[in-house]
């Protein structure tokens, strides 16, 4: 009997996962379809242009990072290519979790050599 119960639980969980995936696909298709109708097929960051043949590489990015915020006017969306979209989310995650390097850690050593320091002397020798 425990075997049958495990099988029912497995079937039920598979059904729940399948339904969740289907709902996610429907949600994505609806706002993606709307965004593709509203905006030109150009990446909002790198300005790469897309056609029907490579349109699958153009994604809809939620500016506020809330995938449930899908106003019909598209004010929370921007079209980004796969690479720019990944970059945007990486930068967001770094900022969100405090892993971003601060400006002070990026400062380079100040150059102390001046190649033109003796230019006047060098010019007067000629």
Protein backbone atom coordinates (compact mmCIF):
# COMPACT_ATOMS: atom_id res chain seq x y z
CA UNK A 1 0.00 0.00 0.00
CA UNK A 2 2.81 2.43 0.67
CA UNK A 3 4.03 1.85 -2.89
CA UNK A 4 0.67 2.98 -4.28
CA UNK A 5 0.62 6.06 -2.03
CA UNK A 6 4.12 7.03 -3.17
CA UNK A 7 3.03 6.62 -6.78
CA UNK A 8 -0.02 8.84 -6.23
CA UNK A 9 2.14 11.49 -4.55
CA UNK A 10 4.59 11.34 -7.44
CA UNK A 11 1.80 11.71 -9.97
CA UNK A 12 0.26 14.58 -8.03
CA UNK A 13 3.57 16.42 -7.73
CA UNK A 14 4.25 15.90 -11.43
CA UNK A 15 0.81 17.31 -12.21
CA UNK A 16 1.44 20.37 -10.00
CA UNK A 17 4.81 21.03 -11.63
CA UNK A 18 3.34 20.61 -15.09
CA UNK A 19 0.52 23.03 -14.33
CA UNK A 20 2.93 25.60 -12.85
CA UNK A 21 5.12 25.41 -15.96
CA UNK A 22 2.13 25.78 -18.26
CA UNK A 23 0.90 28.83 -16.32
CA UNK A 24 4.37 30.38 -16.43
CA UNK A 25 4.58 29.84 -20.19
CA UNK A 26 1.17 31.46 -20.70
CA UNK A 27 2.16 34.42 -18.55
CA UNK A 28 5.46 34.84 -20.38
CA UNK A 29 3.86 34.55 -23.79
CA UNK A 30 1.29 37.18 -22.98
CA UNK A 31 3.66 39.92 -21.83
CA UNK A 32 6.34 38.91 -24.34
CA UNK A 33 3.84 39.08 -27.16
CA UNK A 34 2.62 42.48 -25.98
CA UNK A 35 6.17 43.82 -25.61
CA UNK A 36 7.14 42.63 -29.10
CA UNK A 37 4.12 44.48 -30.50
CA UNK A 38 4.86 47.67 -28.55
CA UNK A 39 8.59 48.03 -29.05
CA UNK A 40 10.95 47.78 -32.03
CA UNK A 41 12.94 44.55 -32.13
CA UNK A 42 16.16 46.16 -30.93
CA UNK A 43 18.10 45.51 -27.73
CA UNK A 44 17.66 48.48 -25.41
CA UNK A 45 21.31 48.35 -24.34
CA UNK A 46 23.58 47.25 -27.19
CA UNK A 47 21.13 48.26 -29.99
CA UNK A 48 21.47 44.89 -31.75
CA UNK A 49 18.63 44.46 -34.25
CA UNK A 50 16.52 41.31 -34.47
CA UNK A 51 14.47 39.62 -37.18
CA UNK A 52 12.07 36.70 -37.19
CA UNK A 53 15.02 34.30 -37.53
CA UNK A 54 16.78 35.35 -34.29
CA UNK A 55 13.86 36.81 -32.33
CA UNK A 56 14.15 34.06 -29.71
CA UNK A 57 17.36 35.79 -28.54
CA UNK A 58 15.45 38.95 -27.63
CA UNK A 59 14.04 38.89 -24.09
CA UNK A 60 11.65 41.03 -22.08
CA UNK A 61 13.31 42.56 -19.03
CA UNK A 62 11.23 43.83 -16.11
CA UNK A 63 12.73 47.13 -15.04
CA UNK A 64 11.62 46.72 -11.42
CA UNK A 65 12.62 43.01 -11.46
CA UNK A 66 9.04 42.01 -10.56
CA UNK A 67 7.87 39.47 -13.13
CA UNK A 68 4.27 39.84 -11.99
CA UNK A 69 4.22 43.59 -12.70
CA UNK A 70 3.04 43.60 -16.30
CA UNK A 71 1.16 46.83 -17.07
CA UNK A 72 -0.48 46.75 -20.50
CA UNK A 73 1.29 49.97 -21.53
CA UNK A 74 4.66 48.18 -21.20
CA UNK A 75 6.09 50.77 -18.83
CA UNK A 76 7.87 48.07 -16.78
CA UNK A 77 9.40 46.31 -19.78
CA UNK A 78 12.37 46.74 -22.01
CA UNK A 79 13.61 44.43 -24.73
CA UNK A 80 17.15 43.16 -24.15
CA UNK A 81 19.23 40.58 -25.97
CA UNK A 82 20.20 37.49 -23.99
CA UNK A 83 23.64 38.86 -23.17
CA UNK A 84 22.51 42.28 -21.97
CA UNK A 85 19.68 40.66 -19.99
CA UNK A 86 22.13 38.36 -18.20
CA UNK A 87 24.42 41.32 -17.55
CA UNK A 88 21.55 43.37 -16.10
CA UNK A 89 20.50 40.58 -13.74
CA UNK A 90 24.10 39.93 -12.69
CA UNK A 91 24.58 43.60 -11.82
CA UNK A 92 21.26 43.63 -9.94
CA UNK A 93 22.17 40.55 -7.92
CA UNK A 94 25.60 41.94 -7.07
CA UNK A 95 24.03 45.15 -5.83
CA UNK A 96 21.21 43.37 -4.04
CA UNK A 97 23.45 41.05 -2.06
CA UNK A 98 26.23 43.55 -1.42
CA UNK A 99 28.83 41.83 -3.58
CA UNK A 100 29.43 44.85 -5.77
CA UNK A 101 32.86 46.34 -5.36
CA UNK A 102 32.86 49.87 -4.07
CA UNK A 103 34.42 52.71 -5.99
CA UNK A 104 37.29 52.89 -3.49
CA UNK A 105 38.34 49.32 -4.27
CA UNK A 106 38.54 50.19 -7.99
CA UNK A 107 40.86 53.15 -7.62
CA UNK A 108 44.13 52.65 -9.44
CA UNK A 109 47.47 53.84 -8.20
CA UNK A 110 48.08 57.45 -9.12
CA UNK A 111 50.84 57.85 -11.67
CA UNK A 112 53.77 59.86 -10.34
CA UNK A 113 55.92 59.81 -13.48
CA UNK A 114 55.61 62.80 -15.79
CA UNK A 115 57.21 62.12 -19.19
CA UNK A 116 57.17 65.84 -20.08
CA UNK A 117 58.79 67.10 -16.86
CA UNK A 118 62.12 67.94 -18.58
CA UNK A 119 60.67 68.80 -21.96
CA UNK A 120 61.77 72.43 -21.82
CA UNK A 121 65.37 71.40 -20.99
CA UNK A 122 65.34 68.75 -23.68
CA UNK A 123 64.09 71.24 -26.27
CA UNK A 124 66.67 73.86 -25.34
CA UNK A 125 69.55 71.37 -25.84
CA UNK A 126 68.71 71.00 -29.53
